[in-house]
Amino acid sequence: MKIFVLIALREEQMENVFVTADEELALSKTTADFEDCDALFVEVWEDGEKTDDYRLQ
């Protein structure tokens, strides 16, 4: 099972802001969905291991 962790960048700090198993939902999020978010990153986890990460916005 894949888990998508969205991480918001706020100035110099990164914070996990959203976790879901729904890929479509995870990829539909934008910086506007989160307060004071400068950039949005996704980590993809499968079977307890991070398999991918990239900038969403």
PDB file of N, CA and C in Angstrom:
ATOM      1  N   MET A   1       0.839  -1.179   0.000  1.00  0.00           N
ATOM      2  CA  MET A   1       0.000   0.000   0.000  1.00  0.00           C
ATOM      3  C   MET A   1       0.884   1.243   0.000  1.00  0.00           C
ATOM      4  N   LYS A   2       0.563   2.178  -0.860  1.00  0.00           N
ATOM      5  CA  LYS A   2       1.303   3.435  -0.926  1.00  0.00           C
ATOM      6  C   LYS A   2       0.675   4.468   0.008  1.00  0.00           C
ATOM      7  N   ILE A   3       1.530   5.224   0.648  1.00  0.00           N
ATOM      8  CA  ILE A   3       1.125   6.343   1.493  1.00  0.00           C
ATOM      9  C   ILE A   3       1.786   7.594   0.928  1.00  0.00           C
ATOM     10  N   PHE A   4       1.022   8.665   0.813  1.00  0.00           N
ATOM     11  CA  PHE A   4       1.524   9.939   0.300  1.00  0.00           C
ATOM     12  C   PHE A   4       1.572  10.940   1.441  1.00  0.00           C
ATOM     13  N   VAL A   5       2.753  11.475   1.688  1.00  0.00           N
ATOM     14  CA  VAL A   5       2.960  12.451   2.758  1.00  0.00           C
ATOM     15  C   VAL A   5       3.266  13.789   2.100  1.00  0.00           C
ATOM     16  N   LEU A   6       2.418  14.778   2.347  1.00  0.00           N
ATOM     17  CA  LEU A   6       2.648  16.117   1.825  1.00  0.00           C
ATOM     18  C   LEU A   6       3.380  16.928   2.876  1.00  0.00           C
ATOM     19  N   ILE A   7       4.403  17.616   2.434  1.00  0.00           N
ATOM     20  CA  ILE A   7       5.250  18.407   3.326  1.00  0.00           C
ATOM     21  C   ILE A   7       5.230  19.845   2.836  1.00  0.00           C
ATOM     22  N   ALA A   8       4.883  20.750   3.732  1.00  0.00           N
ATOM     23  CA  ALA A   8       4.829  22.169   3.400  1.00  0.00           C
ATOM     24  C   ALA A   8       6.123  22.852   3.822  1.00  0.00           C
ATOM     25  N   LEU A   9       6.634  23.681   2.950  1.00  0.00           N
ATOM     26  CA  LEU A   9       7.798  24.510   3.268  1.00  0.00           C
ATOM     27  C   LEU A   9       7.293  25.899   3.615  1.00  0.00           C
ATOM     28  N   ARG A  10       7.646  26.324   4.816  1.00  0.00           N
ATOM     29  CA  ARG A  10       7.283  27.661   5.299  1.00  0.00           C
ATOM     30  C   ARG A  10       8.555  28.349   5.729  1.00  0.00           C
ATOM     31  N   GLU A  11       9.010  29.282   4.908  1.00  0.00           N
ATOM     32  CA  GLU A  11      10.286  29.958   5.119  1.00  0.00           C
ATOM     33  C   GLU A  11      11.385  28.904   5.220  1.00  0.00           C
ATOM     34  N   GLU A  12      11.952  28.678   6.380  1.00  0.00           N
ATOM     35  CA  GLU A  12      13.049  27.720   6.541  1.00  0.00           C
ATOM     36  C   GLU A  12      12.600  26.403   7.160  1.00  0.00           C
ATOM     37  N   GLN A  13      11.308  26.260   7.452  1.00  0.00           N
ATOM     38  CA  GLN A  13      10.826  25.071   8.149  1.00  0.00           C
ATOM     39  C   GLN A  13       9.983  24.193   7.232  1.00  0.00           C
ATOM     40  N   MET A  14      10.108  22.878   7.413  1.00  0.00           N
ATOM     41  CA  MET A  14       9.278  21.923   6.689  1.00  0.00           C
ATOM     42  C   MET A  14       8.392  21.213   7.710  1.00  0.00           C
ATOM     43  N   GLU A  15       7.140  20.972   7.322  1.00  0.00           N
ATOM     44  CA  GLU A  15       6.189  20.357   8.246  1.00  0.00           C
ATOM     45  C   GLU A  15       5.276  19.401   7.473  1.00  0.00           C
ATOM     46  N   ASN A  16       5.080  18.197   8.008  1.00  0.00           N
ATOM     47  CA  ASN A  16       4.110  17.268   7.426  1.00  0.00           C
ATOM     48  C   ASN A  16       2.725  17.872   7.628  1.00  0.00           C
ATOM     49  N   VAL A  17       1.985  18.042   6.533  1.00  0.00           N
ATOM     50  CA  VAL A  17       0.686  18.699   6.653  1.00  0.00           C
ATOM     51  C   VAL A  17      -0.485  17.822   6.227  1.00  0.00           C
ATOM     52  N   PHE A  18      -0.202  16.704   5.532  1.00  0.00           N
ATOM     53  CA  PHE A  18      -1.298  15.883   5.032  1.00  0.00           C
ATOM     54  C   PHE A  18      -0.770  14.498   4.707  1.00  0.00           C
ATOM     55  N   VAL A  19      -1.506  13.476   5.111  1.00  0.00           N
ATOM     56  CA  VAL A  19      -1.123  12.094   4.832  1.00  0.00           C
ATOM     57  C   VAL A  19      -2.354  11.362   4.317  1.00  0.00           C
ATOM     58  N   THR A  20      -2.202  10.639   3.204  1.00  0.00           N
ATOM     59  CA  THR A  20      -3.321   9.900   2.631  1.00  0.00           C
ATOM     60  C   THR A  20      -2.814   8.727   1.799  1.00  0.00           C
ATOM     61  N   ALA A  21      -3.675   7.752   1.601  1.00  0.00           N
ATOM     62  CA  ALA A  21      -3.379   6.642   0.696  1.00  0.00           C
ATOM     63  C   ALA A  21      -3.984   6.906  -0.682  1.00  0.00           C
ATOM     64  N   ASP A  22      -4.727   7.993  -0.816  1.00  0.00           N
ATOM     65  CA  ASP A  22      -5.412   8.356  -2.061  1.00  0.00           C
ATOM     66  C   ASP A  22      -4.498   9.230  -2.927  1.00  0.00           C
ATOM     67  N   GLU A  23      -3.901   8.634  -3.959  1.00  0.00           N
ATOM     68  CA  GLU A  23      -2.946   9.352  -4.803  1.00  0.00           C
ATOM     69  C   GLU A  23      -3.593  10.550  -5.493  1.00  0.00           C
ATOM     70  N   GLU A  24      -4.784  10.381  -6.008  1.00  0.00           N
ATOM     71  CA  GLU A  24      -5.471  11.472  -6.709  1.00  0.00           C
ATOM     72  C   GLU A  24      -5.702  12.662  -5.780  1.00  0.00           C
ATOM     73  N   LEU A  25      -6.123  12.376  -4.571  1.00  0.00           N
ATOM     74  CA  LEU A  25      -6.340  13.436  -3.579  1.00  0.00           C
ATOM     75  C   LEU A  25      -5.028  14.125  -3.233  1.00  0.00           C
ATOM     76  N   ALA A  26      -3.988  13.360  -2.997  1.00  0.00           N
ATOM     77  CA  ALA A  26      -2.688  13.936  -2.641  1.00  0.00           C
ATOM     78  C   ALA A  26      -2.169  14.855  -3.736  1.00  0.00           C
ATOM     79  N   LEU A  27      -2.282  14.423  -4.985  1.00  0.00           N
ATOM     80  CA  LEU A  27      -1.741  15.199  -6.097  1.00  0.00           C
ATOM     81  C   LEU A  27      -2.620  16.385  -6.477  1.00  0.00           C
ATOM     82  N   SER A  28      -3.826  16.439  -5.946  1.00  0.00           N
ATOM     83  CA  SER A  28      -4.718  17.560  -6.239  1.00  0.00           C
ATOM     84  C   SER A  28      -4.491  18.745  -5.307  1.00  0.00           C
ATOM     85  N   LYS A  29      -3.744  18.553  -4.234  1.00  0.00           N
ATOM     86  CA  LYS A  29      -3.498  19.624  -3.272  1.00  0.00           C
ATOM     87  C   LYS A  29      -2.572  20.687  -3.859  1.00  0.00           C
ATOM     88  N   THR A  30      -2.770  21.927  -3.416  1.00  0.00           N
ATOM     89  CA  THR A  30      -1.924  23.044  -3.844  1.00  0.00           C
ATOM     90  C   THR A  30      -1.450  23.810  -2.608  1.00  0.00           C
ATOM     91  N   THR A  31      -0.528  24.722  -2.806  1.00  0.00           N
ATOM     92  CA  THR A  31      -0.034  25.530  -1.688  1.00  0.00           C
ATOM     93  C   THR A  31      -1.161  26.344  -1.054  1.00  0.00           C
ATOM     94  N   ALA A  32      -2.177  26.687  -1.828  1.00  0.00           N
ATOM     95  CA  ALA A  32      -3.306  27.465  -1.303  1.00  0.00           C
ATOM     96  C   ALA A  32      -4.126  26.675  -0.286  1.00  0.00           C
ATOM     97  N   ASP A  33      -4.018  25.357  -0.295  1.00  0.00           N
ATOM     98  CA  ASP A  33      -4.761  24.515   0.650  1.00  0.00           C
ATOM     99  C   ASP A  33      -4.180  24.548   2.066  1.00  0.00           C
ATOM    100  N   PHE A  34      -2.984  25.111   2.213  1.00  0.00           N
ATOM    101  CA  PHE A  34      -2.299  25.094   3.509  1.00  0.00           C
ATOM    102  C   PHE A  34      -1.843  26.504   3.867  1.00  0.00           C
ATOM    103  N   GLU A  35      -1.979  26.848   5.132  1.00  0.00           N
ATOM    104  CA  GLU A  35      -1.670  28.190   5.612  1.00  0.00           C
ATOM    105  C   GLU A  35      -0.175  28.495   5.511  1.00  0.00           C
ATOM    106  N   ASP A  36       0.139  29.665   4.954  1.00  0.00           N
ATOM    107  CA  ASP A  36       1.521  30.161   4.850  1.00  0.00           C
ATOM    108  C   ASP A  36       2.461  29.159   4.189  1.00  0.00           C
ATOM    109  N   CYS A  37       2.032  28.515   3.151  1.00  0.00           N
ATOM    110  CA  CYS A  37       2.830  27.486   2.475  1.00  0.00           C
ATOM    111  C   CYS A  37       3.542  28.098   1.264  1.00  0.00           C
ATOM    112  N   ASP A  38       4.868  28.032   1.264  1.00  0.00           N
ATOM    113  CA  ASP A  38       5.668  28.574   0.164  1.00  0.00           C
ATOM    114  C   ASP A  38       5.909  27.538  -0.937  1.00  0.00           C
ATOM    115  N   ALA A  39       5.989  26.272  -0.567  1.00  0.00           N
ATOM    116  CA  ALA A  39       6.203  25.178  -1.527  1.00  0.00           C
ATOM    117  C   ALA A  39       5.634  23.904  -0.920  1.00  0.00           C
ATOM    118  N   LEU A  40       5.288  22.965  -1.799  1.00  0.00           N
ATOM    119  CA  LEU A  40       4.671  21.723  -1.356  1.00  0.00           C
ATOM    120  C   LEU A  40       5.421  20.551  -1.969  1.00  0.00           C
ATOM    121  N   PHE A  41       5.800  19.601  -1.121  1.00  0.00           N
ATOM    122  CA  PHE A  41       6.550  18.426  -1.554  1.00  0.00           C
ATOM    123  C   PHE A  41       5.762  17.170  -1.213  1.00  0.00           C
ATOM    124  N   VAL A  42       5.996  16.096  -1.969  1.00  0.00           N
ATOM    125  CA  VAL A  42       5.346  14.814  -1.728  1.00  0.00           C
ATOM    126  C   VAL A  42       6.415  13.756  -1.494  1.00  0.00           C
ATOM    127  N   GLU A  43       6.218  12.950  -0.457  1.00  0.00           N
ATOM    128  CA  GLU A  43       7.013  11.739  -0.251  1.00  0.00           C
ATOM    129  C   GLU A  43       6.075  10.558  -0.464  1.00  0.00           C
ATOM    130  N   VAL A  44       6.531   9.571  -1.216  1.00  0.00           N
ATOM    131  CA  VAL A  44       5.746   8.361  -1.448  1.00  0.00           C
ATOM    132  C   VAL A  44       6.395   7.239  -0.652  1.00  0.00           C
ATOM    133  N   TRP A  45       5.598   6.597   0.195  1.00  0.00           N
ATOM    134  CA  TRP A  45       6.072   5.505   1.048  1.00  0.00           C
ATOM    135  C   TRP A  45       5.329   4.241   0.671  1.00  0.00           C
ATOM    136  N   GLU A  46       6.062   3.139   0.586  1.00  0.00           N
ATOM    137  CA  GLU A  46       5.449   1.851   0.294  1.00  0.00           C
ATOM    138  C   GLU A  46       6.143   0.777   1.121  1.00  0.00           C
ATOM    139  N   ASP A  47       5.356   0.008   1.851  1.00  0.00           N
ATOM    140  CA  ASP A  47       5.878  -1.054   2.706  1.00  0.00           C
ATOM    141  C   ASP A  47       6.934  -0.545   3.682  1.00  0.00           C
ATOM    142  N   GLY A  48       6.700   0.646   4.251  1.00  0.00           N
ATOM    143  CA  GLY A  48       7.594   1.200   5.255  1.00  0.00           C
ATOM    144  C   GLY A  48       8.855   1.850   4.735  1.00  0.00           C
ATOM    145  N   GLU A  49       9.007   1.945   3.407  1.00  0.00           N
ATOM    146  CA  GLU A  49      10.196   2.564   2.823  1.00  0.00           C
ATOM    147  C   GLU A  49       9.798   3.700   1.898  1.00  0.00           C
ATOM    148  N   LYS A  50      10.567   4.791   1.954  1.00  0.00           N
ATOM    149  CA  LYS A  50      10.324   5.901   1.038  1.00  0.00           C
ATOM    150  C   LYS A  50      10.796   5.497  -0.345  1.00  0.00           C
ATOM    151  N   THR A  51       9.877   5.540  -1.321  1.00  0.00           N
ATOM    152  CA  THR A  51      10.208   5.106  -2.675  1.00  0.00           C
ATOM    153  C   THR A  51      10.382   6.267  -3.650  1.00  0.00           C
ATOM    154  N   ASP A  52       9.880   7.451  -3.284  1.00  0.00           N
ATOM    155  CA  ASP A  52       9.991   8.598  -4.184  1.00  0.00           C
ATOM    156  C   ASP A  52       9.733   9.870  -3.401  1.00  0.00           C
ATOM    157  N   ASP A  53      10.223  10.980  -3.905  1.00  0.00           N
ATOM    158  CA  ASP A  53       9.886  12.298  -3.374  1.00  0.00           C
ATOM    159  C   ASP A  53      10.069  13.323  -4.475  1.00  0.00           C
ATOM    160  N   TYR A  54       9.223  14.332  -4.483  1.00  0.00           N
ATOM    161  CA  TYR A  54       9.309  15.385  -5.499  1.00  0.00           C
ATOM    162  C   TYR A  54       8.524  16.604  -5.053  1.00  0.00           C
ATOM    163  N   ARG A  55       8.804  17.699  -5.748  1.00  0.00           N
ATOM    164  CA  ARG A  55       8.091  18.939  -5.455  1.00  0.00           C
ATOM    165  C   ARG A  55       6.768  18.927  -6.213  1.00  0.00           C
ATOM    166  N   LEU A  56       5.691  19.175  -5.493  1.00  0.00           N
ATOM    167  CA  LEU A  56       4.378  19.212  -6.106  1.00  0.00           C
ATOM    168  C   LEU A  56       4.082  20.607  -6.634  1.00  0.00           C
ATOM    169  N   GLN A  57       4.409  21.627  -5.852  1.00  0.00           N
ATOM    170  CA  GLN A  57       4.206  23.025  -6.246  1.00  0.00           C
ATOM    171  C   GLN A  57       5.265  23.877  -5.629  1.00  0.00           C
TER     172      GLN A  57
END
